[in-house]
Amino acid sequence: MSEEKQLTEVEHIKARSRHLRGTIEEGLRDQTTGALPADDTQLTKFHGFYQQDERDLREERRHQKLEPLYSFMLRARVPGGVITAQQWKAIDAIARELTGGGLRLTTRQTFQYHGILKRNIKPLIQGINQAMIDSIAACGDVNRNVLCNTNPVESALHKRIYEDAVALSKHLLPKTRAYHEIWLDEERIANHEEEQEPIYGDTYLPRKFKIAVAVPPHNDVDVNGNDLSFVAIIENGELKGYDVLAGGGMGNTHGDTRTYPQIAKNFGFIKPGDVLKVAEAVVTTQRDFGDRTDRKQARLKYTIDRLGTDVFKQHVEERSGVLFADAAPYEFTMHSDRYGWTENSDGTWNLTLFIEHGRIKDYEDGPQMLQGLLKMADLHGGDFRMTATQNLIVAQVEKSKKEAIEKLAREHGLLRTVSRLRENSMACVALPTCTLAMAEAERYLPDLITKLEDIVSRHGLADQPIVVRMTGCPNGCARPFLAEIAFVGKAPGKYNLYLGGDGKGTRLVKLYRENIGEEEILETLEPLIERYSKERQEGEGFGDFVVRAGIVPAVYDGRDFHQIHE
């Protein structure tokens, strides 16, 4: 069988797409269905949106002989998660007019809309474009939204480091004009064959690609969960350069031991001016050596593990013309957000709001979150910063406006006292819209956290931060495999329970119990939490304790993730 025949069908779809155009426009015009053609649903990811349907209503609609209730989820591209107050007002207005209502902050440090009907996709994209926001490459087999540490201690350096994140996002954008032609009515290119993709080539990358930029000691972007990360090395208040980490990633498949989450490898240190050259070289090496015959083996982590770190690194050095120096030392202390007020070096203030699982909406009988943020945007002269842990920072607040901003936040349910356990929890969307979800996550985790809060309180641990994450499937969108306690959906109401992350995002979890429901989850965790309360060492986190106590082994390489622990 020839190599061409061995390529996945997605590779063929990309190859014949005319640089991501496909038949998307024809599908939009077809009013006989709420869906798009199957091939085009692969291509629309590159334009920033996925086709979904309301899974809670599938069976009912099937009995009524109706097609599934199709809608679309669109994710914006917002490098570093920073938007202005005016942009916030614009995206709020679009949510109310063209979606199911509300916004969701994502683990990719951006926002996404749900419940978009097919006829509203183009008006929505044009609307965010008018606000100077787009959704190009927010999904698909390209570099996606670039994460950047939102509120580092050395905030005077944030602008410089944030600019590198924005430059990375811009440099690695696809060059096709398909997005502008289809959604923004730009004049069509006469000959698509002459259009060039100098970085990606005609079939783009074998799989999705994620980049993050971090500023120690805060690892709020989870550098080890990204394909490529740049860790800022700061000495005496000066940015010396970056350590380059490559080959991290979360997704795997239940029952397939060839797949695993992975910790990124440190390639070494580079100067600030070499960031774009190195990033492009990593991307093109993955383009040329990544597996296009099996999408489950196509992520960069598998390419590096297959070729070997040294071989891959050599390719990057040759393509970039940059030689890596020895890695510089750095240390992370946490991978969660810092809530409440923090002061910037220029005398302004940031207010970090806990947004449970990123869901922002006006509830009929509850907090009017959108209304509160709109009022803040009218009052606020700074910006809003979305975090990679699904929270929101009202940033660069003038001291004179602190009291008014805080009052609005409290009145609208945006600033409330919650447990440390809840503050450190995170969940993916899962049901009812995600097509991959096997179990609940966002809709269920708040209730489970309430039950876990009772347990930790009984054992005197109410003030102890423990990182808890849940996903509806093993693709790992909420980065569960870096948590201290992780629940990964296996079936309706059933989860795999993993333990052993270090609370800093630098160690993987290990499977502890498989396919268990809520009752067994609570029965399993309570004795471990009780032991932790009695046997922990000073300053020892829960994940470190379960490793030290031999409950699970430490995992620093994904290839050990599936090894049986006796």
Protein backbone atom coordinates (compact mmCIF):
# COMPACT_ATOMS: atom_id res chain seq x y z
CA MET A 1 0.00 0.00 0.00
CA SER A 2 1.37 3.37 -0.94
CA GLU A 3 2.10 6.07 1.65
CA GLU A 4 -0.59 8.27 0.08
CA LYS A 5 -3.28 5.64 0.75
CA GLN A 6 -2.15 5.37 4.36
CA LEU A 7 -2.87 9.01 5.11
CA THR A 8 -5.87 9.72 7.32
CA GLU A 9 -9.02 11.03 5.68
CA VAL A 10 -8.49 14.40 7.40
CA GLU A 11 -5.22 14.75 5.47
CA HIS A 12 -7.08 14.21 2.20
CA ILE A 13 -9.75 16.75 3.22
CA LYS A 14 -7.06 19.35 3.90
CA ALA A 15 -5.24 18.56 0.65
CA ARG A 16 -8.30 19.13 -1.53
CA SER A 17 -9.65 22.07 0.50
CA ARG A 18 -8.06 24.82 -1.61
CA HIS A 19 -6.31 26.14 1.50
CA LEU A 20 -9.24 25.67 3.89
CA ARG A 21 -12.05 26.87 1.62
CA GLY A 22 -13.73 23.56 0.85
CA THR A 23 -17.44 23.98 0.19
CA ILE A 24 -18.10 26.00 3.35
CA GLU A 25 -19.89 28.81 1.49
CA GLU A 26 -22.19 26.39 -0.31
CA GLY A 27 -23.00 24.68 2.98
CA LEU A 28 -23.89 27.97 4.61
CA ARG A 29 -26.42 28.66 1.86
CA ASP A 30 -28.15 25.28 2.28
CA GLN A 31 -31.20 26.04 4.44
CA THR A 32 -32.57 22.47 4.37
CA THR A 33 -30.33 21.48 7.28
CA GLY A 34 -28.80 23.13 10.33
CA ALA A 35 -25.55 21.26 9.69
CA LEU A 36 -22.61 21.66 7.33
CA PRO A 37 -21.20 18.88 5.13
CA ALA A 38 -18.99 16.45 7.05
CA ASP A 39 -15.76 17.38 5.23
CA ASP A 40 -16.34 21.06 5.90
CA THR A 41 -16.76 20.47 9.63
CA GLN A 42 -13.09 19.53 9.65
CA LEU A 43 -12.15 22.72 7.81
CA THR A 44 -14.29 25.08 9.91
CA LYS A 45 -12.09 24.27 12.89
CA PHE A 46 -9.32 26.27 11.21
CA HIS A 47 -11.79 29.15 11.04
CA GLY A 48 -12.38 28.85 14.79
CA PHE A 49 -15.59 26.89 15.17
CA TYR A 50 -16.96 23.39 15.70
CA GLN A 51 -20.29 21.88 14.75
CA GLN A 52 -22.16 20.46 17.75
CA ASP A 53 -25.65 19.34 18.65
CA GLU A 54 -27.77 19.33 21.81
CA ARG A 55 -27.12 15.80 23.06
CA ASP A 56 -29.77 16.08 25.78
CA LEU A 57 -32.38 16.31 22.98
CA ARG A 58 -30.98 13.74 20.53
CA GLU A 59 -33.31 10.90 21.45
CA GLU A 60 -36.41 13.11 21.62
CA ARG A 61 -35.69 14.59 18.20
CA ARG A 62 -34.98 11.18 16.74
CA HIS A 63 -38.42 9.98 17.84
CA GLN A 64 -39.90 13.09 16.24
CA LYS A 65 -38.03 12.22 13.04
CA LEU A 66 -36.07 15.48 13.25
CA GLU A 67 -32.40 15.92 12.63
CA PRO A 68 -30.25 16.68 15.71
CA LEU A 69 -30.50 20.24 17.00
CA TYR A 70 -27.30 21.44 15.36
CA SER A 71 -25.49 24.55 16.51
CA PHE A 72 -21.92 25.78 16.54
CA MET A 73 -19.29 26.72 19.10
CA LEU A 74 -16.89 29.50 18.10
CA ARG A 75 -13.64 30.22 19.92
CA ALA A 76 -11.88 33.56 19.54
CA ARG A 77 -8.16 34.09 19.03
CA VAL A 78 -6.99 36.41 21.81
CA PRO A 79 -3.21 36.02 22.40
CA GLY A 80 -2.44 36.29 26.10
CA GLY A 81 -6.13 36.72 26.89
CA VAL A 82 -6.09 40.54 26.94
CA ILE A 83 -9.02 42.57 25.61
CA THR A 84 -10.11 46.15 26.15
CA ALA A 85 -13.23 47.26 28.00
CA GLN A 86 -14.74 48.36 24.68
CA GLN A 87 -14.10 44.94 23.17
CA TRP A 88 -15.76 43.32 26.18
CA LYS A 89 -18.91 45.35 25.56
CA ALA A 90 -18.87 44.31 21.90
CA ILE A 91 -18.54 40.58 22.57
CA ASP A 92 -21.28 40.80 25.20
CA ALA A 93 -23.68 42.39 22.71
CA ILE A 94 -22.90 39.66 20.16
CA ALA A 95 -23.54 36.94 22.75
CA ARG A 96 -26.99 38.32 23.47
CA GLU A 97 -27.98 38.76 19.83
CA LEU A 98 -26.49 35.80 18.00
CA THR A 99 -25.88 32.93 20.45
CA GLY A 100 -27.58 30.89 23.12
CA GLY A 101 -26.62 33.64 25.57
CA GLY A 102 -23.58 34.05 27.77
CA LEU A 103 -19.87 33.59 27.33
CA ARG A 104 -17.49 30.87 28.36
CA LEU A 105 -13.89 31.50 29.34
CA THR A 106 -11.70 28.63 28.21
CA THR A 107 -8.52 26.92 29.30
CA ARG A 108 -6.90 28.42 26.18
CA GLN A 109 -7.17 31.89 27.76
CA THR A 110 -9.89 33.13 25.46
CA PHE A 111 -13.69 33.15 25.22
CA GLN A 112 -16.05 31.06 23.21
CA TYR A 113 -19.68 31.27 22.17
CA HIS A 114 -22.09 28.35 22.23
CA GLY A 115 -25.47 27.80 20.60
CA ILE A 116 -24.76 29.63 17.34
CA LEU A 117 -27.20 28.73 14.57
CA LYS A 118 -25.77 28.25 11.09
CA ARG A 119 -27.35 31.42 9.76
CA ASN A 120 -25.67 33.44 12.52
CA ILE A 121 -22.08 32.28 12.06
CA LYS A 122 -21.13 34.87 9.45
CA PRO A 123 -22.77 37.84 11.22
CA LEU A 124 -21.05 36.78 14.43
CA ILE A 125 -17.59 36.57 12.86
CA GLN A 126 -18.13 39.93 11.18
CA GLY A 127 -19.23 41.34 14.53
CA ILE A 128 -16.12 40.28 16.43
CA ASN A 129 -14.01 41.48 13.50
CA GLN A 130 -15.48 44.95 13.92
CA ALA A 131 -14.22 44.77 17.51
CA MET A 132 -10.73 43.88 16.18
CA ILE A 133 -11.03 40.24 17.28
CA ASP A 134 -10.95 37.16 15.06
CA SER A 135 -11.20 33.40 15.30
CA ILE A 136 -8.56 32.46 12.73
CA ALA A 137 -6.68 29.33 13.82
CA ALA A 138 -8.41 29.19 17.20
CA CYS A 139 -8.93 25.48 16.40
CA GLY A 140 -7.65 23.07 13.74
CA ASP A 141 -4.28 21.56 12.82
CA VAL A 142 -2.33 24.79 13.32
CA ASN A 143 -0.92 26.77 16.19
CA ARG A 144 -3.84 27.81 18.38
CA ASN A 145 -4.33 30.66 20.85
CA VAL A 146 -0.99 31.52 22.49
CA LEU A 147 -1.14 31.56 26.29
CA CYS A 148 0.77 34.08 28.36
CA ASN A 149 1.16 34.50 32.11
CA THR A 150 -1.57 37.00 32.96
CA ASN A 151 -0.44 38.65 36.15
CA PRO A 152 3.20 37.95 37.00
CA VAL A 153 4.90 39.30 40.10
CA GLU A 154 7.26 41.35 37.93
CA SER A 155 4.39 43.09 36.19
CA ALA A 156 6.71 45.74 34.74
CA LEU A 157 8.02 42.98 32.47
CA HIS A 158 4.61 41.71 31.44
CA LYS A 159 4.27 44.08 28.51
CA ARG A 160 7.55 42.85 27.01
CA ILE A 161 6.72 39.18 27.55
CA TYR A 162 3.11 39.62 26.40
CA GLU A 163 4.40 41.24 23.19
CA ASP A 164 6.39 38.06 22.50
CA ALA A 165 3.19 36.01 22.90
CA VAL A 166 1.32 38.27 20.47
CA ALA A 167 4.22 38.12 18.01
CA LEU A 168 4.21 34.31 18.18
CA SER A 169 0.50 34.20 17.45
CA LYS A 170 0.82 36.57 14.50
CA HIS A 171 3.91 34.90 13.03
CA LEU A 172 2.31 31.45 13.06
CA LEU A 173 -1.04 32.42 11.56
CA PRO A 174 -2.00 30.59 8.36
CA LYS A 175 -1.42 32.81 5.31
CA THR A 176 -4.48 31.60 3.37
CA ARG A 177 -7.06 34.31 2.70
CA ALA A 178 -9.92 31.80 3.01
CA TYR A 179 -11.12 33.26 6.33
CA HIS A 180 -11.22 36.79 4.91
CA GLU A 181 -12.96 35.71 1.71
CA ILE A 182 -15.67 33.59 3.32
CA TRP A 183 -16.49 35.64 6.40
CA LEU A 184 -15.34 39.19 5.67
CA ASP A 185 -16.25 39.31 1.96
CA GLU A 186 -12.72 40.03 0.81
CA GLU A 187 -12.15 39.78 -2.95
CA ARG A 188 -11.51 36.19 -4.04
CA ILE A 189 -8.07 35.02 -5.10
CA ALA A 190 -8.22 34.01 -8.76
CA ASN A 191 -5.80 31.10 -8.54
CA HIS A 192 -5.68 29.31 -5.20
CA GLU A 193 -2.83 27.11 -6.39
CA GLU A 194 -0.53 30.12 -6.37
CA GLU A 195 -1.36 30.87 -2.72
CA GLN A 196 1.49 29.84 -0.44
CA GLU A 197 1.64 28.56 3.13
CA PRO A 198 5.36 28.99 3.83
CA ILE A 199 5.23 27.62 7.39
CA TYR A 200 2.41 25.09 7.23
CA GLY A 201 2.44 23.82 3.66
CA ASP A 202 -0.68 22.73 1.78
CA THR A 203 -1.87 20.25 4.42
CA TYR A 204 -0.95 22.24 7.53
CA LEU A 205 0.16 20.31 10.64
CA PRO A 206 -0.58 16.66 11.39
CA ARG A 207 -2.55 17.75 14.52
CA LYS A 208 -3.28 20.75 16.72
CA PHE A 209 -0.40 22.72 18.20
CA LYS A 210 -0.37 24.75 21.43
CA ILE A 211 2.08 27.36 22.71
CA ALA A 212 2.43 29.03 26.12
CA VAL A 213 4.67 31.70 27.64
CA ALA A 214 5.22 31.59 31.41
CA VAL A 215 6.82 33.83 34.02
CA PRO A 216 8.05 31.93 37.09
CA PRO A 217 7.18 31.37 39.87
CA HIS A 218 3.62 31.17 38.47
CA ASN A 219 2.80 28.39 36.06
CA ASP A 220 -0.79 29.49 35.42
CA VAL A 221 -0.47 28.49 31.74
CA ASP A 222 0.64 24.91 32.50
CA VAL A 223 3.77 24.92 30.35
CA ASN A 224 4.04 21.13 30.51
CA GLY A 225 0.63 20.70 28.93
CA ASN A 226 1.59 22.56 25.74
CA ASP A 227 3.41 21.44 22.61
CA LEU A 228 5.83 24.35 22.95
CA SER A 229 6.46 26.71 25.86
CA PHE A 230 8.79 29.58 26.59
CA VAL A 231 9.67 30.06 30.27
CA ALA A 232 10.93 33.58 30.94
CA ILE A 233 14.28 33.77 32.71
CA ILE A 234 14.47 37.00 34.68
CA GLU A 235 17.54 38.27 36.53
CA ASN A 236 17.66 41.53 38.46
CA GLY A 237 14.43 42.69 36.86
CA GLU A 238 15.67 42.03 33.31
CA LEU A 239 14.44 39.47 30.79
CA LYS A 240 17.53 37.44 29.91
CA GLY A 241 15.77 35.03 27.60
CA TYR A 242 13.68 31.87 27.67
CA ASP A 243 14.03 28.21 28.39
CA VAL A 244 12.33 26.32 25.55
CA LEU A 245 10.13 23.38 26.50
CA ALA A 246 8.67 21.12 23.81
CA GLY A 247 6.58 17.99 23.57
CA GLY A 248 4.00 18.42 26.31
CA GLY A 249 0.39 17.45 25.82
CA MET A 250 -2.65 16.09 27.64
CA GLY A 251 -4.81 13.98 25.34
CA ASN A 252 -4.90 10.17 25.28
CA THR A 253 -7.42 7.44 24.57
CA HIS A 254 -8.97 5.08 27.12
CA GLY A 255 -7.63 1.57 26.61
CA ASP A 256 -4.97 2.56 24.07
CA THR A 257 -1.61 2.37 25.83
CA ARG A 258 0.13 3.83 22.79
CA THR A 259 -1.40 7.15 23.82
CA TYR A 260 -0.50 9.10 26.94
CA PRO A 261 -0.22 12.59 28.41
CA GLN A 262 3.33 13.90 28.41
CA ILE A 263 5.60 16.37 30.19
CA ALA A 264 7.52 18.77 27.95
CA LYS A 265 11.28 18.38 27.54
CA ASN A 266 13.58 21.33 28.22
CA PHE A 267 15.62 21.96 25.05
CA GLY A 268 17.68 24.71 26.66
CA PHE A 269 18.01 28.49 26.81
CA ILE A 270 17.65 31.05 24.01
CA LYS A 271 17.87 34.84 23.81
CA PRO A 272 14.66 36.88 23.57
CA GLY A 273 15.27 37.79 19.93
CA ASP A 274 15.32 34.12 18.88
CA VAL A 275 11.79 33.25 19.95
CA LEU A 276 10.13 33.44 16.52
CA LYS A 277 12.92 31.59 14.72
CA VAL A 278 12.86 28.74 17.22
CA ALA A 279 9.06 28.52 17.26
CA GLU A 280 8.89 28.34 13.47
CA ALA A 281 11.60 25.68 13.40
CA VAL A 282 9.72 23.53 15.95
CA VAL A 283 6.50 23.89 13.94
CA THR A 284 8.09 23.02 10.59
CA THR A 285 9.93 20.04 12.08
CA GLN A 286 6.62 18.75 13.41
CA ARG A 287 5.06 19.50 10.01
CA ASP A 288 7.61 17.33 8.25
CA PHE A 289 8.08 14.51 10.79
CA GLY A 290 4.70 14.28 12.55
CA ASP A 291 2.59 11.15 11.89
CA ARG A 292 -0.11 11.84 9.29
CA THR A 293 -1.29 8.22 9.15
CA ASP A 294 -2.70 8.02 12.69
CA ARG A 295 -4.18 11.11 14.34
CA LYS A 296 -3.86 9.45 17.74
CA GLN A 297 -0.08 9.46 17.23
CA ALA A 298 0.18 12.81 15.47
CA ARG A 299 0.85 15.29 18.30
CA LEU A 300 4.33 16.72 18.78
CA LYS A 301 4.88 14.71 21.98
CA TYR A 302 4.82 11.48 19.98
CA THR A 303 7.07 12.89 17.28
CA ILE A 304 9.72 13.84 19.84
CA ASP A 305 9.43 10.55 21.71
CA ARG A 306 9.71 8.62 18.43
CA LEU A 307 12.66 10.56 16.98
CA GLY A 308 14.38 11.19 20.31
CA THR A 309 14.84 14.55 22.00
CA ASP A 310 18.39 15.04 20.73
CA VAL A 311 17.48 14.33 17.10
CA PHE A 312 14.45 16.62 17.18
CA LYS A 313 16.46 19.35 18.89
CA GLN A 314 19.16 19.07 16.20
CA HIS A 315 16.55 19.61 13.47
CA VAL A 316 15.30 22.71 15.29
CA GLU A 317 18.80 24.14 15.63
CA GLU A 318 19.56 23.53 11.96
CA ARG A 319 16.31 25.10 10.75
CA SER A 320 16.43 28.09 13.09
CA GLY A 321 20.15 28.77 13.06
CA VAL A 322 19.94 29.03 16.85
CA LEU A 323 22.02 26.86 19.18
CA PHE A 324 20.46 26.13 22.52
CA ALA A 325 22.52 27.05 25.58
CA ASP A 326 22.25 25.09 28.81
CA ALA A 327 18.84 25.45 30.41
CA ALA A 328 18.63 28.19 33.02
CA PRO A 329 17.24 27.29 36.45
CA TYR A 330 13.72 28.36 37.40
CA GLU A 331 11.11 27.21 39.88
CA PHE A 332 7.32 27.17 39.83
CA THR A 333 5.35 27.42 43.05
CA MET A 334 1.76 27.07 41.77
CA HIS A 335 -0.38 26.70 38.65
CA SER A 336 -3.52 28.44 39.85
CA ASP A 337 -4.62 32.06 39.85
CA ARG A 338 -4.15 34.57 42.66
CA TYR A 339 -7.56 35.90 43.62
CA GLY A 340 -8.59 39.32 44.83
CA TRP A 341 -6.59 42.53 44.49
CA THR A 342 -2.94 42.73 43.43
CA GLU A 343 -1.02 45.91 42.74
CA ASN A 344 0.86 46.65 39.52
CA SER A 345 4.22 48.39 39.37
CA ASP A 346 2.56 51.51 37.91
CA GLY A 347 0.22 51.92 40.87
CA THR A 348 -2.87 50.47 39.20
CA TRP A 349 -4.62 47.38 40.54
CA ASN A 350 -5.87 44.04 39.23
CA LEU A 351 -8.94 42.24 40.58
CA THR A 352 -8.98 38.51 39.83
CA LEU A 353 -12.51 37.08 39.84
CA PHE A 354 -13.26 33.40 40.34
CA ILE A 355 -15.51 32.33 37.44
CA GLU A 356 -16.57 28.76 38.14
CA HIS A 357 -15.55 26.72 35.11
CA GLY A 358 -15.53 29.89 33.02
CA ARG A 359 -19.30 30.24 32.60
CA ILE A 360 -20.49 33.86 32.48
CA LYS A 361 -24.22 34.53 32.11
CA ASP A 362 -27.19 36.31 33.63
CA TYR A 363 -29.12 33.73 35.65
CA GLU A 364 -32.91 34.07 35.89
CA ASP A 365 -32.95 33.56 39.65
CA GLY A 366 -29.30 34.22 40.36
CA PRO A 367 -26.37 36.53 39.74
CA GLN A 368 -26.43 38.85 36.76
CA MET A 369 -22.81 38.32 35.82
CA LEU A 370 -22.92 39.77 32.31
CA GLN A 371 -24.70 42.86 33.56
CA GLY A 372 -22.09 43.37 36.25
CA LEU A 373 -19.20 43.14 33.81
CA LEU A 374 -20.93 45.54 31.43
CA LYS A 375 -21.21 48.08 34.22
CA MET A 376 -17.53 47.57 35.03
CA ALA A 377 -16.62 48.07 31.38
CA ASP A 378 -18.47 51.41 31.38
CA LEU A 379 -16.58 52.51 34.50
CA HIS A 380 -13.24 50.87 33.78
CA GLY A 381 -10.40 52.50 31.86
CA GLY A 382 -8.12 49.47 31.81
CA ASP A 383 -8.57 46.06 30.26
CA PHE A 384 -9.88 42.58 30.99
CA ARG A 385 -7.59 39.57 31.10
CA MET A 386 -8.84 36.03 30.70
CA THR A 387 -6.76 33.43 32.46
CA ALA A 388 -5.81 29.92 31.36
CA THR A 389 -7.65 28.62 34.42
CA GLN A 390 -11.01 30.03 33.25
CA ASN A 391 -11.05 33.13 35.43
CA LEU A 392 -11.21 36.86 34.67
CA ILE A 393 -9.00 39.74 35.76
CA VAL A 394 -10.28 43.30 35.78
CA ALA A 395 -6.86 44.78 35.12
CA GLN A 396 -5.16 48.15 35.47
CA VAL A 397 -7.87 49.61 37.70
CA GLU A 398 -7.16 53.12 38.95
CA LYS A 399 -6.94 53.29 42.73
CA SER A 400 -9.85 55.75 42.83
CA LYS A 401 -12.11 53.20 41.11
CA LYS A 402 -11.24 50.16 43.23
CA GLU A 403 -14.14 50.55 45.62
CA ALA A 404 -16.73 50.98 42.86
CA ILE A 405 -15.38 48.02 40.87
CA GLU A 406 -15.40 45.77 43.92
CA LYS A 407 -18.94 46.85 44.82
CA LEU A 408 -20.18 45.95 41.34
CA ALA A 409 -18.39 42.61 41.48
CA ARG A 410 -20.00 41.69 44.80
CA GLU A 411 -23.48 42.86 43.80
CA HIS A 412 -23.43 40.73 40.64
CA GLY A 413 -22.04 37.50 42.09
CA LEU A 414 -18.60 37.96 40.54
CA LEU A 415 -16.74 38.32 43.82
CA ARG A 416 -17.73 35.83 46.46
CA THR A 417 -16.07 33.79 49.13
CA VAL A 418 -15.50 30.19 48.07
CA SER A 419 -13.33 27.39 49.42
CA ARG A 420 -9.71 26.92 48.42
CA LEU A 421 -10.78 23.59 46.95
CA ARG A 422 -13.33 25.25 44.68
CA GLU A 423 -10.91 28.02 43.70
CA ASN A 424 -8.49 25.39 42.47
CA SER A 425 -11.03 23.36 40.49
CA MET A 426 -11.43 23.32 36.73
CA ALA A 427 -13.69 21.47 34.28
CA CYS A 428 -14.23 21.23 30.54
CA VAL A 429 -17.61 21.85 28.88
CA ALA A 430 -18.42 18.17 28.22
CA LEU A 431 -22.16 17.42 27.99
CA PRO A 432 -24.52 18.41 26.49
CA THR A 433 -22.67 19.95 23.53
CA CYS A 434 -19.24 18.34 23.22
CA THR A 435 -19.38 15.45 20.77
CA LEU A 436 -16.50 13.65 22.52
CA ALA A 437 -17.82 13.73 26.10
CA MET A 438 -18.45 10.39 27.80
CA ALA A 439 -19.57 11.91 31.10
CA GLU A 440 -20.52 15.23 32.68
CA ALA A 441 -17.87 17.72 33.79
CA GLU A 442 -18.81 21.42 33.98
CA ARG A 443 -22.40 20.70 35.04
CA TYR A 444 -21.39 18.12 37.67
CA LEU A 445 -18.10 19.16 39.24
CA PRO A 446 -19.57 22.03 41.34
CA ASP A 447 -21.83 19.52 43.14
CA LEU A 448 -18.99 17.07 43.66
CA ILE A 449 -16.79 19.85 45.02
CA THR A 450 -19.52 20.64 47.58
CA LYS A 451 -19.34 17.06 48.84
CA LEU A 452 -15.53 17.12 48.87
CA GLU A 453 -15.63 20.40 50.80
CA ASP A 454 -17.45 18.58 53.60
CA ILE A 455 -14.70 15.96 53.72
CA VAL A 456 -11.75 18.36 53.78
CA SER A 457 -13.49 20.51 56.40
CA ARG A 458 -14.09 17.50 58.67
CA HIS A 459 -10.37 16.83 58.57
CA GLY A 460 -9.22 20.39 59.17
CA LEU A 461 -8.09 21.08 55.61
CA ALA A 462 -10.52 23.78 54.55
CA ASP A 463 -7.67 26.24 53.96
CA GLN A 464 -5.51 23.78 52.03
CA PRO A 465 -5.38 24.38 48.25
CA ILE A 466 -5.77 21.11 46.37
CA VAL A 467 -5.91 21.22 42.57
CA VAL A 468 -8.95 19.27 41.34
CA ARG A 469 -9.83 18.95 37.65
CA MET A 470 -12.48 17.06 35.71
CA THR A 471 -13.01 16.30 32.04
CA GLY A 472 -15.76 14.44 30.25
CA CYS A 473 -13.26 12.42 28.21
CA PRO A 474 -9.51 11.71 28.12
CA ASN A 475 -8.71 14.42 25.57
CA GLY A 476 -7.79 16.52 28.58
CA CYS A 477 -9.07 20.01 27.70
CA ALA A 478 -9.01 21.06 31.38
CA ARG A 479 -5.49 19.62 31.72
CA PRO A 480 -6.52 17.03 34.34
CA PHE A 481 -3.35 15.01 34.07
CA LEU A 482 -1.40 17.81 35.78
CA ALA A 483 -3.83 18.09 38.73
CA GLU A 484 -3.43 16.69 42.23
CA ILE A 485 -6.81 14.96 41.95
CA ALA A 486 -8.23 14.30 38.49
CA PHE A 487 -11.53 12.84 37.32
CA VAL A 488 -11.68 11.74 33.67
CA GLY A 489 -15.00 10.65 32.20
CA LYS A 490 -15.33 6.99 31.25
CA ALA A 491 -19.12 6.58 30.90
CA PRO A 492 -22.24 8.40 32.12
CA GLY A 493 -21.69 8.97 35.85
CA LYS A 494 -18.38 7.09 35.81
CA TYR A 495 -14.83 8.42 36.03
CA ASN A 496 -11.25 7.29 36.25
CA LEU A 497 -9.65 8.74 39.39
CA TYR A 498 -6.04 9.89 39.09
CA LEU A 499 -3.76 11.17 41.84
CA GLY A 500 -0.26 12.54 42.25
CA GLY A 501 0.27 15.87 40.48
CA ASP A 502 2.48 18.25 42.44
CA GLY A 503 0.27 21.36 42.56
CA LYS A 504 2.74 23.19 40.31
CA GLY A 505 2.03 21.52 36.98
CA THR A 506 5.39 19.76 36.69
CA ARG A 507 4.35 16.14 37.37
CA LEU A 508 1.74 13.83 35.88
CA VAL A 509 -0.96 11.96 37.74
CA LYS A 510 -1.31 8.19 38.00
CA LEU A 511 -4.45 6.07 37.70
CA TYR A 512 -5.70 5.09 41.18
CA ARG A 513 -9.25 3.82 40.62
CA GLU A 514 -10.99 3.04 37.34
CA ASN A 515 -14.59 3.58 36.22
CA ILE A 516 -16.12 4.63 39.55
CA GLY A 517 -19.17 6.71 40.43
CA GLU A 518 -19.73 9.38 43.04
CA GLU A 519 -20.28 7.10 46.04
CA GLU A 520 -17.03 5.22 45.44
CA ILE A 521 -15.19 8.45 44.65
CA LEU A 522 -16.08 9.85 48.06
CA GLU A 523 -15.42 6.56 49.85
CA THR A 524 -12.02 6.34 48.16
CA LEU A 525 -10.89 9.89 48.79
CA GLU A 526 -11.97 10.37 52.39
CA PRO A 527 -9.45 7.97 53.98
CA LEU A 528 -6.67 9.42 51.83
CA ILE A 529 -7.60 12.96 52.87
CA GLU A 530 -7.76 11.84 56.50
CA ARG A 531 -4.28 10.31 56.23
CA TYR A 532 -3.03 13.49 54.62
CA SER A 533 -4.39 15.61 57.47
CA LYS A 534 -2.57 13.45 60.03
CA GLU A 535 0.66 12.47 58.26
CA ARG A 536 1.58 15.41 56.02
CA GLN A 537 4.86 17.20 56.45
CA GLU A 538 5.05 20.97 56.85
CA GLY A 539 4.19 22.69 53.57
CA GLU A 540 3.50 19.37 51.82
CA GLY A 541 0.74 19.38 49.21
CA PHE A 542 -1.75 16.57 48.78
CA GLY A 543 -0.20 15.37 45.53
CA ASP A 544 3.27 15.27 47.06
CA PHE A 545 1.91 13.38 50.07
CA VAL A 546 0.28 10.59 48.05
CA VAL A 547 3.56 10.10 46.20
CA ARG A 548 5.71 10.15 49.35
CA ALA A 549 3.30 7.74 51.08
CA GLY A 550 3.58 5.31 48.18
CA ILE A 551 -0.10 5.56 47.28
CA VAL A 552 0.87 6.30 43.68
CA PRO A 553 4.33 6.63 42.09
CA ALA A 554 5.72 9.91 40.74
CA VAL A 555 5.31 10.16 36.96
CA TYR A 556 7.54 12.55 35.05
CA ASP A 557 7.40 10.82 31.66
CA GLY A 558 4.15 9.97 29.91
CA ARG A 559 5.57 6.68 28.73
CA ASP A 560 5.28 5.54 32.37
CA PHE A 561 1.67 6.73 32.63
CA HIS A 562 0.12 3.31 31.93
CA GLN A 563 2.59 1.15 33.87
CA ILE A 564 0.85 -0.98 36.48
CA HIS A 565 1.51 0.18 40.04
CA GLU A 566 1.52 -2.60 42.62
